[in-house]
C-alpha cells in the first residue's frame, strides 16, 4: 500500500487520506476505496475538513495547500502556494483557511477570495492551452 501521512473523517460515510505519493484517496468507510485526487507534486503532510460539508484542505511538501470538494474529484477547487517551505498545518474555520509552514509563517485566507483567484487561474490555463 501507499504511505499514509494524514487522514480526516469528512462525512459519516467518507474518510480522506493523503500520503507520500502526493495524492488523496477518498474511502467509503462501509467498504471500498473511492477515487484518487491528484494535485500535489510531493507528499501530503496534513488534512482538515469543513465542519459541515465536503471540502477538504491538504497541505504538502510541495509548499502548497489545495482545497478539494470530495464530490467532484477532477481538480482542486483552489490552490494556495505562497509558502517558501512545506505546509505542515491546515485548518478550516467557516470561510477562513489557515495554513502553517516550516518557513515559520502562518497564513490566513478568505476562502471566497481563494476561490475567485483559482477560477481566474483556471480560465487563464484553459486560454493558454487553447492557444497552443
Protein backbone atom coordinates (compact mmCIF):
# COMPACT_ATOMS: atom_id res chain seq x y z
CA UNK A 1 0.00 0.00 0.00
CA UNK A 2 0.86 3.67 -0.11
CA UNK A 3 2.31 5.55 2.86
CA UNK A 4 -0.42 7.46 4.69
CA UNK A 5 0.69 10.64 6.48
CA UNK A 6 -2.73 12.18 7.24
CA UNK A 7 -6.41 11.23 7.35
CA UNK A 8 -9.64 13.08 8.07
CA UNK A 9 -13.24 11.91 8.60
CA UNK A 10 -15.30 14.10 6.22
CA UNK A 11 -18.84 12.72 6.45
CA UNK A 12 -20.34 9.76 8.32
CA UNK A 13 -19.52 7.61 5.25
CA UNK A 14 -16.33 9.25 3.98
CA UNK A 15 -12.70 9.23 5.07
CA UNK A 16 -9.96 11.01 3.08
CA UNK A 17 -6.30 10.06 3.38
CA UNK A 18 -3.16 11.59 1.93
CA UNK A 19 0.41 10.45 1.81
CA UNK A 20 3.78 10.05 0.27
CA UNK A 21 2.76 9.95 -3.38
CA UNK A 22 1.04 13.38 -3.24
CA UNK A 23 -2.45 12.09 -3.88
CA UNK A 24 -5.60 12.00 -1.75
CA UNK A 25 -7.75 8.92 -1.56
CA UNK A 26 -11.47 9.04 -0.83
CA UNK A 27 -12.63 6.00 1.13
CA UNK A 28 -16.16 4.77 1.79
CA UNK A 29 -15.90 3.53 5.38
CA UNK A 30 -18.66 0.99 4.72
CA UNK A 31 -16.18 -0.79 2.47
CA UNK A 32 -14.15 0.01 -0.56
CA UNK A 33 -11.95 2.75 -1.84
CA UNK A 34 -13.26 5.65 -3.88
CA UNK A 35 -11.48 7.96 -6.30
CA UNK A 36 -7.93 9.23 -6.08
CA UNK A 37 -7.46 13.01 -6.18
CA UNK A 38 -4.27 14.42 -7.70
CA UNK A 39 -2.99 17.96 -7.26
CA UNK A 40 0.19 17.88 -5.20
CA UNK A 41 3.68 17.44 -6.64
CA UNK A 42 5.04 15.96 -3.38
CA UNK A 43 3.87 14.23 -0.20
CA UNK A 44 0.71 15.39 1.55
CA UNK A 45 1.57 16.18 5.15
CA UNK A 46 -1.75 17.31 6.68
CA UNK A 47 -5.51 17.43 6.11
CA UNK A 48 -8.56 19.15 7.54
CA UNK A 49 -12.22 19.36 6.53
CA UNK A 50 -15.15 21.72 6.98
CA UNK A 51 -17.44 21.09 9.92
CA UNK A 52 -20.49 20.75 7.68
CA UNK A 53 -19.66 20.00 4.10
CA UNK A 54 -17.50 18.14 1.66
CA UNK A 55 -14.49 20.44 1.34
CA UNK A 56 -11.09 19.15 2.41
CA UNK A 57 -7.84 21.10 2.53
CA UNK A 58 -4.50 19.36 2.09
CA UNK A 59 -1.04 20.71 2.87
CA UNK A 60 2.01 19.36 1.13
CA UNK A 61 5.73 19.12 0.96
CA UNK A 62 5.42 20.98 -2.38
CA UNK A 63 4.80 24.24 -0.41
CA UNK A 64 1.10 24.25 -1.41
CA UNK A 65 -2.33 23.91 0.15
CA UNK A 66 -5.12 22.54 -2.06
CA UNK A 67 -8.84 22.77 -1.35
CA UNK A 68 -10.99 19.92 -2.65
CA UNK A 69 -14.68 19.13 -2.98
CA UNK A 70 -14.76 15.38 -2.34
CA UNK A 71 -17.89 15.04 -4.52
CA UNK A 72 -16.08 16.50 -7.58
CA UNK A 73 -12.74 14.79 -7.98
CA UNK A 74 -11.34 16.25 -11.19
CA UNK A 75 -9.18 19.10 -9.83
CA UNK A 76 -8.66 21.07 -6.63
CA UNK A 77 -11.29 23.78 -6.07
CA UNK A 78 -8.42 26.14 -5.24
CA UNK A 79 -4.67 26.04 -4.74
CA UNK A 80 -2.62 28.29 -2.49
CA UNK A 81 1.16 28.44 -2.95
CA UNK A 82 2.53 31.38 -1.01
CA UNK A 83 4.77 29.47 1.43
CA UNK A 84 8.51 29.11 0.96
CA UNK A 85 8.61 25.66 2.50
CA UNK A 86 6.45 22.62 3.24
CA UNK A 87 2.93 23.10 4.59
CA UNK A 88 2.57 21.06 7.78
CA UNK A 89 -0.65 22.54 9.20
CA UNK A 90 -4.02 23.40 7.66
CA UNK A 91 -7.35 24.34 9.25
CA UNK A 92 -10.82 25.43 8.12
CA UNK A 93 -12.81 27.93 10.16
CA UNK A 94 -16.09 28.90 8.48
CA UNK A 95 -14.99 30.88 5.39
CA UNK A 96 -11.37 31.16 6.52
CA UNK A 97 -8.48 28.85 5.73
CA UNK A 98 -5.30 28.78 7.82
CA UNK A 99 -2.00 27.30 6.69
CA UNK A 100 1.21 26.82 8.63
CA UNK A 101 4.61 26.08 7.17
CA UNK A 102 8.12 25.15 8.15
CA UNK A 103 9.08 28.57 6.73
CA UNK A 104 7.90 29.89 10.15
CA UNK A 105 4.75 31.54 8.80
CA UNK A 106 1.03 31.11 9.33
CA UNK A 107 -1.31 32.47 6.66
CA UNK A 108 -4.99 33.29 6.95
CA UNK A 109 -7.04 33.28 3.74
CA UNK A 110 -10.62 34.14 2.96
CA UNK A 111 -11.87 31.10 1.08
CA UNK A 112 -14.10 33.22 -1.18
CA UNK A 113 -11.05 35.21 -2.35
CA UNK A 114 -9.10 32.00 -2.89
CA UNK A 115 -11.92 30.51 -5.00
CA UNK A 116 -12.03 33.63 -7.19
CA UNK A 117 -8.28 33.52 -7.73
CA UNK A 118 -8.43 29.82 -8.60
CA UNK A 119 -11.22 30.41 -11.11
CA UNK A 120 -9.16 33.14 -12.79
CA UNK A 121 -6.08 30.88 -12.90
CA UNK A 122 -8.10 28.01 -14.37
CA UNK A 123 -9.52 30.30 -17.06
CA UNK A 124 -6.00 31.56 -17.89
CA UNK A 125 -4.69 27.99 -18.14
CA UNK A 126 -7.56 26.99 -20.43
CA UNK A 127 -6.91 30.01 -22.65
CA UNK A 128 -3.18 29.19 -22.84
CA UNK A 129 -3.93 25.56 -23.73
CA UNK A 130 -6.37 26.62 -26.45
CA UNK A 131 -3.77 28.99 -27.95
CA UNK A 132 -1.10 26.26 -28.06
